[in-house]
Structure formats: C-alpha cells, structure tokens
Amino acid sequence: MSGEDGSKVEWKTPERDERPVSGWRVSGVLAGALILFTFFGVGTWAQLQQREKNLNPAGPTQPQPLGKAEINIVNTGLFELDTRAEDEKAEQRKRLHGYGWVDRDAGVVHIPIERAIERVVGEQRRDGGGR
C-alpha cells in the first residue's frame, strides 16, 4: 500500500508476547469444563430416570422369553421355519377339492369344486341356457 504522499507503508508483525501461559489458568478452565459436563450429565440422567418412572410406574418388567413364535403381537419366528400359511392353504385345498360335512344335523355337505361346477353347468344346459 502506499500513503498519500506516495511513500510505501510497511506492515510489521507484532512482537510475540514472551509471558508464559499460566498452567493454573489452563487447569482451571479444564476443571470448570469438567465440572459443567458432570453437572449436565448427572442432570440428564436424573431427568431420564424420572421420565422412566412416570412412563412405567410399575417398574421394569421382565422381557418375554425368546424362542416362542410370537411375543405379544410380534411374530419372532424365522420366515423359513414358519409353515402356517402353507398348512392353511393345504387345508383350504383339501376342503375345496374334497367331500365333507358343513352341517351334519341339517344334512348339508360340501362337494369338490369341479363337481359343483359340472352340476351348475349341467343344470343350465337342461334349463335352456343362461340367464
């Protein structure tokens, strides 16, 4: 930079402060930070304990034992080991393609779906067609 009179102004780096840093001052700042951290940590822990007591007044409960297929309403079984859906489909196919009682006292039975379709189609042919 140049001054108004056209002469150059030279900037100098300020001299270093030769005074040593006080170890007591640094230790005090660190101790204060540690005290603040401990104070807030204990305060947060106390708040969480109070909140847990308010949310669950009966106290902690024992978790359900693992190994059951269902715990409460959550299915914890492995998908590969769970065959309930296939078992239910097999039972439905058996009922759909087999004979059986619907109401034994009333004399109502069910017949295989293929036989029922043949009967309905046969009745429509005898009656002269569709609707």
C-alpha atoms as a PDB file:
ATOM      1  CA  MET A   1       0.000   0.000   0.000  1.00  0.00           C
ATOM      2  CA  SER A   2       1.080   3.488  -0.469  1.00  0.00           C
ATOM      3  CA  GLY A   3       0.432   6.530   1.676  1.00  0.00           C
ATOM      4  CA  GLU A   4      -0.926   9.883   0.484  1.00  0.00           C
ATOM      5  CA  ASP A   5       2.493  11.227  -0.120  1.00  0.00           C
ATOM      6  CA  GLY A   6       3.360   8.271  -2.347  1.00  0.00           C
ATOM      7  CA  SER A   7       5.656   6.575   0.137  1.00  0.00           C
ATOM      8  CA  LYS A   8       5.258   2.917   0.899  1.00  0.00           C
ATOM      9  CA  VAL A   9       3.931   1.851   4.293  1.00  0.00           C
ATOM     10  CA  GLU A  10       5.397  -1.316   5.634  1.00  0.00           C
ATOM     11  CA  TRP A  11       3.359  -3.533   7.914  1.00  0.00           C
ATOM     12  CA  LYS A  12       5.184  -5.334  10.667  1.00  0.00           C
ATOM     13  CA  THR A  13       4.078  -8.417  12.503  1.00  0.00           C
ATOM     14  CA  PRO A  14       3.524  -7.578  16.153  1.00  0.00           C
ATOM     15  CA  GLU A  15       6.082  -8.813  18.593  1.00  0.00           C
ATOM     16  CA  ARG A  16       5.394 -12.063  20.348  1.00  0.00           C
ATOM     17  CA  ASP A  17       4.278 -11.900  23.953  1.00  0.00           C
ATOM     18  CA  GLU A  18       7.042 -13.542  25.878  1.00  0.00           C
ATOM     19  CA  ARG A  19       4.990 -14.100  29.030  1.00  0.00           C
ATOM     20  CA  PRO A  20       4.416 -17.832  29.689  1.00  0.00           C
ATOM     21  CA  VAL A  21       0.889 -19.205  29.770  1.00  0.00           C
ATOM     22  CA  SER A  22      -0.234 -19.846  33.298  1.00  0.00           C
ATOM     23  CA  GLY A  23      -0.690 -23.541  33.958  1.00  0.00           C
ATOM     24  CA  TRP A  24      -3.097 -22.757  36.755  1.00  0.00           C
ATOM     25  CA  ARG A  25      -5.326 -20.815  34.405  1.00  0.00           C
ATOM     26  CA  VAL A  26      -5.435 -23.668  31.833  1.00  0.00           C
ATOM     27  CA  SER A  27      -6.065 -26.214  34.585  1.00  0.00           C
ATOM     28  CA  GLY A  28      -8.857 -24.047  35.966  1.00  0.00           C
ATOM     29  CA  VAL A  29     -10.592 -23.811  32.593  1.00  0.00           C
ATOM     30  CA  LEU A  30     -10.327 -27.581  32.105  1.00  0.00           C
ATOM     31  CA  ALA A  31     -11.600 -28.268  35.627  1.00  0.00           C
ATOM     32  CA  GLY A  32     -14.524 -25.886  35.085  1.00  0.00           C
ATOM     33  CA  ALA A  33     -15.438 -27.589  31.828  1.00  0.00           C
ATOM     34  CA  LEU A  34     -15.272 -30.999  33.514  1.00  0.00           C
ATOM     35  CA  ILE A  35     -17.487 -29.795  36.361  1.00  0.00           C
ATOM     36  CA  LEU A  36     -20.040 -28.376  33.905  1.00  0.00           C
ATOM     37  CA  PHE A  37     -20.035 -31.580  31.862  1.00  0.00           C
ATOM     38  CA  THR A  38     -20.530 -33.686  35.012  1.00  0.00           C
ATOM     39  CA  PHE A  39     -23.319 -31.403  36.248  1.00  0.00           C
ATOM     40  CA  PHE A  40     -25.242 -31.616  32.966  1.00  0.00           C
ATOM     41  CA  GLY A  41     -24.601 -35.350  32.623  1.00  0.00           C
ATOM     42  CA  VAL A  42     -25.973 -36.090  36.101  1.00  0.00           C
ATOM     43  CA  GLY A  43     -28.921 -33.744  35.498  1.00  0.00           C
ATOM     44  CA  THR A  44     -29.780 -35.500  32.243  1.00  0.00           C
ATOM     45  CA  TRP A  45     -29.529 -38.917  33.876  1.00  0.00           C
ATOM     46  CA  ALA A  46     -31.849 -37.773  36.701  1.00  0.00           C
ATOM     47  CA  GLN A  47     -34.388 -36.449  34.167  1.00  0.00           C
ATOM     48  CA  LEU A  48     -34.334 -39.753  32.260  1.00  0.00           C
ATOM     49  CA  GLN A  49     -34.865 -41.721  35.477  1.00  0.00           C
ATOM     50  CA  GLN A  50     -37.835 -39.520  36.401  1.00  0.00           C
ATOM     51  CA  ARG A  51     -39.297 -39.846  32.908  1.00  0.00           C
ATOM     52  CA  GLU A  52     -38.954 -43.637  33.008  1.00  0.00           C
ATOM     53  CA  LYS A  53     -40.682 -43.707  36.398  1.00  0.00           C
ATOM     54  CA  ASN A  54     -43.558 -41.597  35.015  1.00  0.00           C
ATOM     55  CA  LEU A  55     -43.931 -43.714  31.853  1.00  0.00           C
ATOM     56  CA  ASN A  56     -43.740 -47.079  33.654  1.00  0.00           C
ATOM     57  CA  PRO A  57     -44.882 -46.642  37.285  1.00  0.00           C
ATOM     58  CA  ALA A  58     -44.975 -50.409  37.941  1.00  0.00           C
ATOM     59  CA  GLY A  59     -41.231 -50.603  37.382  1.00  0.00           C
ATOM     60  CA  PRO A  60     -39.244 -52.524  34.814  1.00  0.00           C
ATOM     61  CA  THR A  61     -40.779 -55.712  33.501  1.00  0.00           C
ATOM     62  CA  GLN A  62     -39.012 -58.886  32.576  1.00  0.00           C
ATOM     63  CA  PRO A  63     -38.734 -59.393  28.822  1.00  0.00           C
ATOM     64  CA  GLN A  64     -40.625 -62.297  27.293  1.00  0.00           C
ATOM     65  CA  PRO A  65     -38.501 -65.398  26.788  1.00  0.00           C
ATOM     66  CA  LEU A  66     -37.138 -65.845  23.308  1.00  0.00           C
ATOM     67  CA  GLY A  67     -37.779 -68.949  21.296  1.00  0.00           C
ATOM     68  CA  LYS A  68     -41.547 -68.542  21.098  1.00  0.00           C
ATOM     69  CA  ALA A  69     -43.076 -67.989  17.677  1.00  0.00           C
ATOM     70  CA  GLU A  70     -44.948 -64.915  18.896  1.00  0.00           C
ATOM     71  CA  ILE A  71     -44.200 -62.493  21.702  1.00  0.00           C
ATOM     72  CA  ASN A  72     -47.240 -60.313  22.386  1.00  0.00           C
ATOM     73  CA  ILE A  73     -48.330 -59.480  18.823  1.00  0.00           C
ATOM     74  CA  VAL A  74     -44.896 -59.622  17.216  1.00  0.00           C
ATOM     75  CA  ASN A  75     -44.011 -62.701  15.194  1.00  0.00           C
ATOM     76  CA  THR A  76     -40.413 -63.509  16.053  1.00  0.00           C
ATOM     77  CA  GLY A  77     -40.129 -66.777  14.153  1.00  0.00           C
ATOM     78  CA  LEU A  78     -37.921 -67.174  11.129  1.00  0.00           C
ATOM     79  CA  PHE A  79     -39.776 -66.968   7.834  1.00  0.00           C
ATOM     80  CA  GLU A  80     -38.135 -70.170   6.567  1.00  0.00           C
ATOM     81  CA  LEU A  81     -39.410 -72.098   9.593  1.00  0.00           C
ATOM     82  CA  ASP A  82     -42.936 -70.662   9.592  1.00  0.00           C
ATOM     83  CA  THR A  83     -45.203 -73.061   7.684  1.00  0.00           C
ATOM     84  CA  ARG A  84     -48.571 -71.822   8.950  1.00  0.00           C
ATOM     85  CA  ALA A  85     -49.505 -70.216   5.617  1.00  0.00           C
ATOM     86  CA  GLU A  86     -48.698 -73.385   3.643  1.00  0.00           C
ATOM     87  CA  ASP A  87     -50.602 -75.507   6.172  1.00  0.00           C
ATOM     88  CA  GLU A  88     -53.637 -73.235   5.888  1.00  0.00           C
ATOM     89  CA  LYS A  89     -53.522 -73.342   2.068  1.00  0.00           C
ATOM     90  CA  ALA A  90     -53.290 -77.145   2.129  1.00  0.00           C
ATOM     91  CA  GLU A  91     -56.325 -77.318   4.409  1.00  0.00           C
ATOM     92  CA  GLN A  92     -58.251 -74.972   2.107  1.00  0.00           C
ATOM     93  CA  ARG A  93     -57.317 -77.045  -0.975  1.00  0.00           C
ATOM     94  CA  LYS A  94     -58.383 -80.212   0.824  1.00  0.00           C
ATOM     95  CA  ARG A  95     -61.758 -78.672   1.623  1.00  0.00           C
ATOM     96  CA  LEU A  96     -62.111 -77.186  -1.895  1.00  0.00           C
ATOM     97  CA  HIS A  97     -61.331 -80.463  -3.695  1.00  0.00           C
ATOM     98  CA  GLY A  98     -62.893 -82.936  -1.239  1.00  0.00           C
ATOM     99  CA  TYR A  99     -66.150 -84.072   0.302  1.00  0.00           C
ATOM    100  CA  GLY A 100     -67.220 -83.179   3.825  1.00  0.00           C
ATOM    101  CA  TRP A 101     -69.948 -82.061   6.158  1.00  0.00           C
ATOM    102  CA  VAL A 102     -70.926 -78.408   6.508  1.00  0.00           C
ATOM    103  CA  ASP A 103     -73.765 -79.120   8.977  1.00  0.00           C
ATOM    104  CA  ARG A 104     -74.314 -82.797   9.789  1.00  0.00           C
ATOM    105  CA  ASP A 105     -77.575 -82.180  11.704  1.00  0.00           C
ATOM    106  CA  ALA A 106     -79.108 -80.289   8.784  1.00  0.00           C
ATOM    107  CA  GLY A 107     -77.695 -82.749   6.249  1.00  0.00           C
ATOM    108  CA  VAL A 108     -75.626 -80.108   4.411  1.00  0.00           C
ATOM    109  CA  VAL A 109     -72.444 -81.344   2.712  1.00  0.00           C
ATOM    110  CA  HIS A 110     -69.800 -79.780   0.527  1.00  0.00           C
ATOM    111  CA  ILE A 111     -68.558 -81.359  -2.674  1.00  0.00           C
ATOM    112  CA  PRO A 112     -65.400 -80.796  -4.739  1.00  0.00           C
ATOM    113  CA  ILE A 113     -65.410 -77.541  -6.715  1.00  0.00           C
ATOM    114  CA  GLU A 114     -65.016 -79.364 -10.039  1.00  0.00           C
ATOM    115  CA  ARG A 115     -68.127 -81.495  -9.330  1.00  0.00           C
ATOM    116  CA  ALA A 116     -70.096 -78.399  -8.246  1.00  0.00           C
ATOM    117  CA  ILE A 117     -69.172 -76.563 -11.475  1.00  0.00           C
ATOM    118  CA  GLU A 118     -70.252 -79.568 -13.572  1.00  0.00           C
ATOM    119  CA  ARG A 119     -73.623 -79.703 -11.757  1.00  0.00           C
ATOM    120  CA  VAL A 120     -74.283 -75.981 -12.244  1.00  0.00           C
ATOM    121  CA  VAL A 121     -73.331 -76.110 -15.930  1.00  0.00           C
ATOM    122  CA  GLY A 122     -75.451 -79.270 -16.432  1.00  0.00           C
ATOM    123  CA  GLU A 123     -78.484 -77.618 -14.828  1.00  0.00           C
ATOM    124  CA  GLN A 124     -78.105 -74.549 -17.034  1.00  0.00           C
ATOM    125  CA  ARG A 125     -77.946 -76.743 -20.172  1.00  0.00           C
ATOM    126  CA  ARG A 126     -81.127 -78.598 -19.159  1.00  0.00           C
ATOM    127  CA  ASP A 127     -82.944 -75.341 -18.444  1.00  0.00           C
ATOM    128  CA  GLY A 128     -82.159 -73.963 -21.879  1.00  0.00           C
ATOM    129  CA  GLY A 129     -79.100 -71.783 -21.444  1.00  0.00           C
ATOM    130  CA  GLY A 130     -78.021 -68.886 -19.299  1.00  0.00           C
ATOM    131  CA  ARG A 131     -79.977 -66.276 -17.542  1.00  0.00           C
END
